[in-house]
N, C-alpha and C. Protein backbone atom coordinates (compact mmCIF):
# COMPACT_ATOMS: atom_id res chain seq x y z
N MET A 1 0.82 -1.19 0.00
CA MET A 1 0.00 0.00 0.00
C MET A 1 0.87 1.27 0.00
N PHE A 2 2.12 1.14 0.46
CA PHE A 2 3.05 2.26 0.51
C PHE A 2 3.17 2.93 -0.85
N TYR A 3 3.39 2.14 -1.91
CA TYR A 3 3.56 2.71 -3.24
C TYR A 3 2.24 3.30 -3.76
N GLY A 4 1.14 2.68 -3.40
CA GLY A 4 -0.16 3.20 -3.79
C GLY A 4 -0.43 4.57 -3.20
N ILE A 5 -0.06 4.74 -1.92
CA ILE A 5 -0.28 6.03 -1.24
C ILE A 5 0.59 7.11 -1.88
N ILE A 6 1.86 6.79 -2.11
CA ILE A 6 2.76 7.77 -2.75
C ILE A 6 2.25 8.14 -4.14
N THR A 7 1.82 7.14 -4.90
CA THR A 7 1.29 7.39 -6.25
C THR A 7 0.06 8.28 -6.19
N LEU A 8 -0.83 8.02 -5.24
CA LEU A 8 -2.04 8.83 -5.11
C LEU A 8 -1.71 10.27 -4.75
N ILE A 9 -0.79 10.47 -3.82
CA ILE A 9 -0.40 11.83 -3.43
C ILE A 9 0.18 12.58 -4.62
N ILE A 10 1.10 11.95 -5.34
CA ILE A 10 1.73 12.59 -6.50
C ILE A 10 0.68 12.87 -7.58
N ALA A 11 -0.19 11.90 -7.85
CA ALA A 11 -1.22 12.09 -8.88
C ALA A 11 -2.19 13.21 -8.48
N THR A 12 -2.51 13.30 -7.21
CA THR A 12 -3.41 14.36 -6.73
C THR A 12 -2.78 15.72 -6.92
N ILE A 13 -1.52 15.85 -6.55
CA ILE A 13 -0.81 17.13 -6.70
C ILE A 13 -0.73 17.52 -8.18
N ILE A 14 -0.35 16.56 -9.03
CA ILE A 14 -0.23 16.84 -10.46
C ILE A 14 -1.59 17.23 -11.05
N SER A 15 -2.64 16.48 -10.71
CA SER A 15 -3.96 16.79 -11.29
C SER A 15 -4.46 18.15 -10.80
N THR A 16 -4.17 18.49 -9.55
CA THR A 16 -4.57 19.80 -9.02
C THR A 16 -3.85 20.92 -9.77
N ILE A 17 -2.56 20.74 -10.00
CA ILE A 17 -1.78 21.74 -10.74
C ILE A 17 -2.30 21.87 -12.17
N PHE A 18 -2.55 20.74 -12.86
CA PHE A 18 -3.05 20.80 -14.23
C PHE A 18 -4.44 21.43 -14.30
N THR A 19 -5.29 21.12 -13.33
CA THR A 19 -6.62 21.73 -13.29
C THR A 19 -6.50 23.24 -13.16
N TYR A 20 -5.61 23.69 -12.31
CA TYR A 20 -5.42 25.13 -12.14
C TYR A 20 -4.88 25.77 -13.42
N ILE A 21 -3.91 25.11 -14.05
CA ILE A 21 -3.33 25.65 -15.28
C ILE A 21 -4.39 25.75 -16.38
N LEU A 22 -5.22 24.72 -16.51
CA LEU A 22 -6.23 24.69 -17.58
C LEU A 22 -7.41 25.61 -17.31
N GLU A 23 -7.87 25.65 -16.06
CA GLU A 23 -9.09 26.41 -15.75
C GLU A 23 -8.83 27.75 -15.06
N LYS A 24 -7.60 27.99 -14.66
CA LYS A 24 -7.22 29.23 -13.97
C LYS A 24 -7.96 29.42 -12.65
N LYS A 25 -8.52 28.35 -12.11
CA LYS A 25 -9.17 28.39 -10.80
C LYS A 25 -9.29 26.95 -10.29
N LEU A 26 -9.54 26.83 -8.99
CA LEU A 26 -9.76 25.53 -8.37
C LEU A 26 -11.04 25.59 -7.54
N GLN A 27 -11.82 24.54 -7.62
CA GLN A 27 -13.02 24.44 -6.80
C GLN A 27 -12.60 24.13 -5.36
N LEU A 28 -13.35 24.66 -4.40
CA LEU A 28 -13.07 24.43 -2.99
C LEU A 28 -13.04 22.94 -2.66
N VAL A 29 -13.96 22.18 -3.23
CA VAL A 29 -14.02 20.73 -2.97
C VAL A 29 -12.72 20.06 -3.42
N ALA A 30 -12.20 20.46 -4.57
CA ALA A 30 -10.95 19.88 -5.07
C ALA A 30 -9.77 20.23 -4.18
N ILE A 31 -9.74 21.46 -3.71
CA ILE A 31 -8.66 21.89 -2.82
C ILE A 31 -8.70 21.11 -1.51
N ILE A 32 -9.88 21.00 -0.92
CA ILE A 32 -10.03 20.26 0.34
C ILE A 32 -9.63 18.80 0.14
N GLY A 33 -10.10 18.21 -0.95
CA GLY A 33 -9.75 16.82 -1.24
C GLY A 33 -8.26 16.61 -1.38
N ALA A 34 -7.59 17.49 -2.12
CA ALA A 34 -6.14 17.37 -2.31
C ALA A 34 -5.39 17.53 -1.00
N ILE A 35 -5.81 18.49 -0.19
CA ILE A 35 -5.15 18.70 1.10
C ILE A 35 -5.30 17.47 1.99
N ILE A 36 -6.50 16.92 2.02
CA ILE A 36 -6.74 15.76 2.88
C ILE A 36 -5.98 14.54 2.38
N VAL A 37 -5.93 14.34 1.07
CA VAL A 37 -5.14 13.22 0.53
C VAL A 37 -3.68 13.36 0.96
N CYS A 38 -3.13 14.56 0.83
CA CYS A 38 -1.73 14.77 1.20
C CYS A 38 -1.51 14.62 2.70
N ILE A 39 -2.41 15.16 3.50
CA ILE A 39 -2.25 15.06 4.96
C ILE A 39 -2.36 13.62 5.42
N PHE A 40 -3.46 12.95 5.05
CA PHE A 40 -3.66 11.59 5.55
C PHE A 40 -2.71 10.59 4.90
N GLY A 41 -2.42 10.79 3.63
CA GLY A 41 -1.42 9.94 2.99
C GLY A 41 -0.06 10.13 3.64
N GLY A 42 0.29 11.40 3.90
CA GLY A 42 1.56 11.70 4.57
C GLY A 42 1.62 11.10 5.98
N LEU A 43 0.53 11.21 6.72
CA LEU A 43 0.50 10.63 8.07
C LEU A 43 0.63 9.11 8.02
N ALA A 44 -0.04 8.49 7.05
CA ALA A 44 0.06 7.03 6.90
C ALA A 44 1.50 6.62 6.61
N LEU A 45 2.17 7.40 5.76
CA LEU A 45 3.56 7.09 5.44
C LEU A 45 4.49 7.40 6.61
N TRP A 46 4.32 8.56 7.23
CA TRP A 46 5.18 9.00 8.32
C TRP A 46 5.14 8.03 9.50
N PHE A 47 3.93 7.66 9.90
CA PHE A 47 3.77 6.78 11.05
C PHE A 47 3.73 5.30 10.67
N ASP A 48 3.86 5.03 9.38
CA ASP A 48 3.78 3.66 8.87
C ASP A 48 2.53 2.97 9.41
N ASN A 49 1.40 3.68 9.30
CA ASN A 49 0.13 3.18 9.82
C ASN A 49 -0.96 3.48 8.80
N LYS A 50 -1.52 2.43 8.23
CA LYS A 50 -2.53 2.58 7.17
C LYS A 50 -3.87 3.11 7.68
N ILE A 51 -4.07 3.10 8.96
CA ILE A 51 -5.35 3.55 9.51
C ILE A 51 -5.67 4.97 9.08
N PHE A 52 -4.65 5.82 9.01
CA PHE A 52 -4.88 7.20 8.55
C PHE A 52 -5.49 7.20 7.15
N PHE A 53 -4.98 6.34 6.31
CA PHE A 53 -5.47 6.29 4.93
C PHE A 53 -6.86 5.68 4.87
N PHE A 54 -7.12 4.65 5.69
CA PHE A 54 -8.44 4.04 5.73
C PHE A 54 -9.51 5.05 6.18
N MET A 55 -9.12 5.96 7.07
CA MET A 55 -10.09 6.91 7.62
C MET A 55 -10.28 8.15 6.74
N LYS A 56 -9.44 8.33 5.76
CA LYS A 56 -9.53 9.52 4.91
C LYS A 56 -10.92 9.72 4.29
N PRO A 57 -11.54 8.71 3.68
CA PRO A 57 -12.88 8.94 3.13
C PRO A 57 -13.91 9.33 4.20
N THR A 58 -13.77 8.75 5.38
CA THR A 58 -14.67 9.11 6.48
C THR A 58 -14.51 10.58 6.84
N ILE A 59 -13.27 11.01 6.99
CA ILE A 59 -12.99 12.39 7.38
C ILE A 59 -13.47 13.36 6.30
N ILE A 60 -13.20 13.05 5.04
CA ILE A 60 -13.63 13.92 3.95
C ILE A 60 -15.15 14.07 3.96
N ASN A 61 -15.85 12.97 4.06
CA ASN A 61 -17.31 13.03 4.06
C ASN A 61 -17.85 13.79 5.26
N LEU A 62 -17.23 13.63 6.42
CA LEU A 62 -17.69 14.36 7.60
C LEU A 62 -17.37 15.85 7.49
N ILE A 63 -16.27 16.19 6.84
CA ILE A 63 -15.97 17.61 6.59
C ILE A 63 -17.04 18.22 5.69
N PHE A 64 -17.44 17.48 4.66
CA PHE A 64 -18.51 17.97 3.79
C PHE A 64 -19.81 18.17 4.58
N VAL A 65 -20.10 17.24 5.48
CA VAL A 65 -21.31 17.37 6.32
C VAL A 65 -21.21 18.64 7.16
N ILE A 66 -20.07 18.86 7.78
CA ILE A 66 -19.88 20.04 8.63
C ILE A 66 -20.02 21.33 7.81
N ILE A 67 -19.43 21.34 6.63
CA ILE A 67 -19.51 22.53 5.77
C ILE A 67 -20.96 22.81 5.38
N LEU A 68 -21.68 21.78 4.97
CA LEU A 68 -23.07 21.98 4.56
C LEU A 68 -23.95 22.37 5.75
N LEU A 69 -23.70 21.78 6.91
CA LEU A 69 -24.46 22.16 8.11
C LEU A 69 -24.14 23.59 8.53
N TYR A 70 -22.90 23.98 8.40
CA TYR A 70 -22.49 25.35 8.71
C TYR A 70 -23.29 26.34 7.85
N GLY A 71 -23.36 26.06 6.57
CA GLY A 71 -24.12 26.93 5.68
C GLY A 71 -25.59 26.96 6.05
N LYS A 72 -26.11 25.81 6.36
CA LYS A 72 -27.53 25.70 6.66
C LYS A 72 -27.90 26.34 8.00
N ILE A 73 -27.09 26.11 9.02
CA ILE A 73 -27.43 26.57 10.37
C ILE A 73 -26.88 27.96 10.67
N ILE A 74 -25.63 28.21 10.37
CA ILE A 74 -24.98 29.47 10.72
C ILE A 74 -25.25 30.55 9.66
N LYS A 75 -24.96 30.24 8.41
CA LYS A 75 -25.14 31.24 7.34
C LYS A 75 -26.59 31.33 6.87
N LYS A 76 -27.39 30.35 7.23
CA LYS A 76 -28.81 30.31 6.85
C LYS A 76 -29.02 30.29 5.34
N LYS A 77 -28.09 29.62 4.64
CA LYS A 77 -28.27 29.45 3.21
C LYS A 77 -27.53 28.18 2.77
N PRO A 78 -28.07 27.51 1.75
CA PRO A 78 -27.41 26.28 1.28
C PRO A 78 -26.14 26.59 0.49
N LEU A 79 -25.03 26.08 0.98
CA LEU A 79 -23.75 26.35 0.32
C LEU A 79 -23.63 25.65 -1.03
N LEU A 80 -24.42 24.59 -1.24
CA LEU A 80 -24.40 23.94 -2.55
C LEU A 80 -24.81 24.92 -3.64
N LYS A 81 -25.69 25.85 -3.29
CA LYS A 81 -26.12 26.86 -4.25
C LYS A 81 -24.94 27.69 -4.71
N GLU A 82 -24.06 28.06 -3.78
CA GLU A 82 -22.87 28.83 -4.14
C GLU A 82 -21.90 28.02 -5.00
N LEU A 83 -21.80 26.72 -4.70
CA LEU A 83 -20.88 25.86 -5.45
C LEU A 83 -21.36 25.58 -6.87
N PHE A 84 -22.66 25.35 -7.02
CA PHE A 84 -23.18 24.88 -8.30
C PHE A 84 -24.09 25.86 -9.02
N SER A 85 -24.18 27.08 -8.56
CA SER A 85 -25.11 28.04 -9.16
C SER A 85 -24.79 28.35 -10.62
N ASP A 86 -23.57 28.10 -11.05
CA ASP A 86 -23.22 28.32 -12.46
C ASP A 86 -23.82 27.24 -13.37
N SER A 87 -24.04 26.04 -12.80
CA SER A 87 -24.52 24.94 -13.63
C SER A 87 -25.93 24.47 -13.31
N ILE A 88 -26.39 24.70 -12.08
CA ILE A 88 -27.73 24.27 -11.67
C ILE A 88 -28.45 25.49 -11.10
N ILE A 89 -29.64 25.75 -11.60
CA ILE A 89 -30.42 26.88 -11.11
C ILE A 89 -31.72 26.34 -10.52
N LEU A 90 -31.81 26.38 -9.19
CA LEU A 90 -32.99 25.87 -8.47
C LEU A 90 -33.59 26.98 -7.63
N ASN A 91 -34.84 26.79 -7.24
CA ASN A 91 -35.42 27.72 -6.27
C ASN A 91 -34.90 27.35 -4.88
N ASP A 92 -35.20 28.17 -3.89
CA ASP A 92 -34.67 27.95 -2.54
C ASP A 92 -35.09 26.61 -1.95
N ALA A 93 -36.35 26.22 -2.19
CA ALA A 93 -36.82 24.92 -1.67
C ALA A 93 -35.99 23.79 -2.26
N GLY A 94 -35.71 23.86 -3.54
CA GLY A 94 -34.89 22.84 -4.19
C GLY A 94 -33.49 22.75 -3.62
N TRP A 95 -32.88 23.93 -3.39
CA TRP A 95 -31.53 23.93 -2.81
C TRP A 95 -31.54 23.36 -1.40
N ASN A 96 -32.56 23.66 -0.62
CA ASN A 96 -32.64 23.13 0.74
C ASN A 96 -32.80 21.61 0.74
N ILE A 97 -33.66 21.10 -0.13
CA ILE A 97 -33.84 19.65 -0.22
C ILE A 97 -32.54 18.99 -0.69
N MET A 98 -31.93 19.58 -1.71
CA MET A 98 -30.67 19.03 -2.24
C MET A 98 -29.60 19.01 -1.15
N THR A 99 -29.49 20.09 -0.39
CA THR A 99 -28.51 20.15 0.69
C THR A 99 -28.77 19.07 1.73
N ASN A 100 -30.01 18.91 2.14
CA ASN A 100 -30.35 17.87 3.12
C ASN A 100 -29.99 16.49 2.60
N ARG A 101 -30.31 16.23 1.37
CA ARG A 101 -30.00 14.92 0.79
C ARG A 101 -28.49 14.65 0.80
N TRP A 102 -27.70 15.66 0.42
CA TRP A 102 -26.26 15.45 0.40
C TRP A 102 -25.69 15.31 1.81
N ILE A 103 -26.24 16.03 2.76
CA ILE A 103 -25.79 15.86 4.15
C ILE A 103 -26.00 14.41 4.58
N TYR A 104 -27.21 13.88 4.37
CA TYR A 104 -27.49 12.49 4.75
C TYR A 104 -26.63 11.51 3.96
N PHE A 105 -26.41 11.82 2.70
CA PHE A 105 -25.59 10.93 1.88
C PHE A 105 -24.15 10.89 2.37
N PHE A 106 -23.58 12.04 2.68
CA PHE A 106 -22.20 12.07 3.18
C PHE A 106 -22.08 11.35 4.52
N ILE A 107 -23.08 11.47 5.37
CA ILE A 107 -23.08 10.72 6.64
C ILE A 107 -23.10 9.22 6.35
N PHE A 108 -23.96 8.83 5.41
CA PHE A 108 -24.04 7.42 5.00
C PHE A 108 -22.68 6.92 4.49
N LEU A 109 -22.03 7.70 3.62
CA LEU A 109 -20.73 7.28 3.08
C LEU A 109 -19.68 7.15 4.18
N ALA A 110 -19.68 8.09 5.12
CA ALA A 110 -18.72 8.03 6.23
C ALA A 110 -18.93 6.76 7.05
N ALA A 111 -20.18 6.48 7.38
CA ALA A 111 -20.50 5.28 8.17
C ALA A 111 -20.16 4.01 7.38
N LEU A 112 -20.47 4.01 6.09
CA LEU A 112 -20.18 2.84 5.26
C LEU A 112 -18.68 2.59 5.17
N ASN A 113 -17.89 3.64 4.99
CA ASN A 113 -16.44 3.48 4.95
C ASN A 113 -15.91 2.90 6.26
N GLU A 114 -16.41 3.44 7.38
CA GLU A 114 -15.98 2.93 8.68
C GLU A 114 -16.33 1.45 8.83
N LEU A 115 -17.53 1.08 8.42
CA LEU A 115 -17.96 -0.31 8.51
C LEU A 115 -17.05 -1.22 7.68
N VAL A 116 -16.76 -0.79 6.46
CA VAL A 116 -15.98 -1.64 5.56
C VAL A 116 -14.53 -1.76 6.03
N TRP A 117 -13.87 -0.65 6.34
CA TRP A 117 -12.44 -0.78 6.68
C TRP A 117 -12.23 -1.47 8.02
N ARG A 118 -13.20 -1.38 8.90
CA ARG A 118 -13.05 -2.02 10.22
C ARG A 118 -13.44 -3.49 10.23
N THR A 119 -14.18 -3.94 9.20
CA THR A 119 -14.66 -5.33 9.23
C THR A 119 -14.14 -6.19 8.09
N GLN A 120 -13.52 -5.57 7.08
CA GLN A 120 -13.09 -6.33 5.90
C GLN A 120 -11.58 -6.30 5.76
N THR A 121 -11.10 -7.06 4.80
CA THR A 121 -9.65 -7.10 4.55
C THR A 121 -9.22 -5.80 3.86
N GLU A 122 -7.93 -5.55 3.90
CA GLU A 122 -7.37 -4.38 3.22
C GLU A 122 -7.67 -4.44 1.73
N TYR A 123 -7.53 -5.61 1.14
CA TYR A 123 -7.80 -5.77 -0.29
C TYR A 123 -9.25 -5.41 -0.60
N PHE A 124 -10.16 -5.92 0.20
CA PHE A 124 -11.58 -5.63 -0.01
C PHE A 124 -11.85 -4.13 0.11
N TRP A 125 -11.24 -3.48 1.12
CA TRP A 125 -11.46 -2.05 1.31
C TRP A 125 -10.96 -1.26 0.10
N VAL A 126 -9.79 -1.61 -0.41
CA VAL A 126 -9.25 -0.91 -1.58
C VAL A 126 -10.21 -1.07 -2.76
N GLN A 127 -10.69 -2.28 -2.98
CA GLN A 127 -11.64 -2.51 -4.08
C GLN A 127 -12.92 -1.71 -3.85
N PHE A 128 -13.40 -1.70 -2.62
CA PHE A 128 -14.61 -0.94 -2.27
C PHE A 128 -14.39 0.55 -2.51
N LYS A 129 -13.24 1.06 -2.09
CA LYS A 129 -12.97 2.49 -2.24
C LYS A 129 -12.90 2.86 -3.72
N VAL A 130 -12.24 2.05 -4.51
CA VAL A 130 -12.05 2.36 -5.93
C VAL A 130 -13.32 2.07 -6.74
N PHE A 131 -13.91 0.91 -6.53
CA PHE A 131 -15.03 0.48 -7.38
C PHE A 131 -16.39 0.54 -6.69
N GLY A 132 -16.42 0.99 -5.45
CA GLY A 132 -17.68 1.07 -4.71
C GLY A 132 -18.12 2.49 -4.44
N LEU A 133 -17.25 3.27 -3.80
CA LEU A 133 -17.64 4.62 -3.39
C LEU A 133 -17.97 5.52 -4.57
N MET A 134 -17.20 5.46 -5.61
CA MET A 134 -17.45 6.32 -6.77
C MET A 134 -18.76 5.95 -7.46
N PRO A 135 -19.00 4.68 -7.77
CA PRO A 135 -20.29 4.34 -8.38
C PRO A 135 -21.50 4.66 -7.49
N ILE A 136 -21.36 4.45 -6.19
CA ILE A 136 -22.45 4.78 -5.27
C ILE A 136 -22.74 6.27 -5.34
N THR A 137 -21.69 7.08 -5.35
CA THR A 137 -21.87 8.53 -5.43
C THR A 137 -22.47 8.93 -6.77
N PHE A 138 -22.02 8.32 -7.84
CA PHE A 138 -22.54 8.62 -9.17
C PHE A 138 -24.03 8.27 -9.26
N ILE A 139 -24.40 7.11 -8.74
CA ILE A 139 -25.81 6.70 -8.75
C ILE A 139 -26.65 7.65 -7.91
N PHE A 140 -26.14 8.03 -6.75
CA PHE A 140 -26.87 8.99 -5.91
C PHE A 140 -27.07 10.31 -6.66
N ALA A 141 -26.03 10.78 -7.31
CA ALA A 141 -26.13 12.04 -8.06
C ALA A 141 -27.16 11.93 -9.19
N ILE A 142 -27.20 10.80 -9.86
CA ILE A 142 -28.20 10.59 -10.92
C ILE A 142 -29.61 10.68 -10.35
N PHE A 143 -29.81 10.15 -9.15
CA PHE A 143 -31.13 10.20 -8.53
C PHE A 143 -31.55 11.62 -8.15
N GLN A 144 -30.65 12.56 -8.24
CA GLN A 144 -31.01 13.96 -7.93
C GLN A 144 -31.59 14.68 -9.15
N ILE A 145 -31.55 14.03 -10.30
CA ILE A 145 -32.05 14.67 -11.53
C ILE A 145 -33.52 15.02 -11.41
N SER A 146 -34.32 14.14 -10.82
CA SER A 146 -35.75 14.44 -10.70
C SER A 146 -35.98 15.65 -9.80
N LEU A 147 -35.19 15.79 -8.75
CA LEU A 147 -35.28 16.96 -7.87
C LEU A 147 -34.91 18.22 -8.65
N ILE A 148 -33.86 18.13 -9.42
CA ILE A 148 -33.41 19.28 -10.22
C ILE A 148 -34.50 19.68 -11.22
N LYS A 149 -35.10 18.70 -11.87
CA LYS A 149 -36.16 19.01 -12.83
C LYS A 149 -37.37 19.65 -12.14
N LYS A 150 -37.70 19.14 -10.97
CA LYS A 150 -38.89 19.63 -10.26
C LYS A 150 -38.71 21.07 -9.75
N TYR A 151 -37.51 21.41 -9.27
CA TYR A 151 -37.30 22.71 -8.64
C TYR A 151 -36.48 23.68 -9.48
N ARG A 152 -36.21 23.32 -10.71
CA ARG A 152 -35.42 24.16 -11.62
C ARG A 152 -36.16 25.47 -11.92
N ILE A 153 -35.41 26.53 -11.96
CA ILE A 153 -35.94 27.84 -12.36
C ILE A 153 -35.59 28.03 -13.83
N GLU A 154 -36.58 28.25 -14.62
CA GLU A 154 -36.36 28.47 -16.05
C GLU A 154 -35.82 29.89 -16.26
N GLU A 155 -34.84 30.00 -17.12
CA GLU A 155 -34.25 31.32 -17.39
C GLU A 155 -34.97 32.03 -18.50
């Protein structure tokens, strides 16, 4: 797993740099993800303990939950609207429902990651992380299309 962690850190840094060069900006989610990959990957390598790496998806998902809850409770507005307002235009009710769904989904992903890494083999967890978490997230995102259609504001 040592070489996999190093490869992921290097690939994350390179992809972040290329994204910035091509788009002249970085999304907050991408920045947070890259920082967490480097921090937890670095901790796993430094302490020679894979637990840091196993917990990375849990921590990322919980950070997303905290950010969305912060927007909802403290700022009194859905932060997803600020992130995606260039591509998705919804009324306030739609943004609130979408935010709630993603909060619950990120909690689900965090709990699922904890369940898998604590009860399964390292090989199974790697396969789950690569071939499980991404498809689950993609399927969840597809299921949001009906919400987007229902609450979309026509321009």
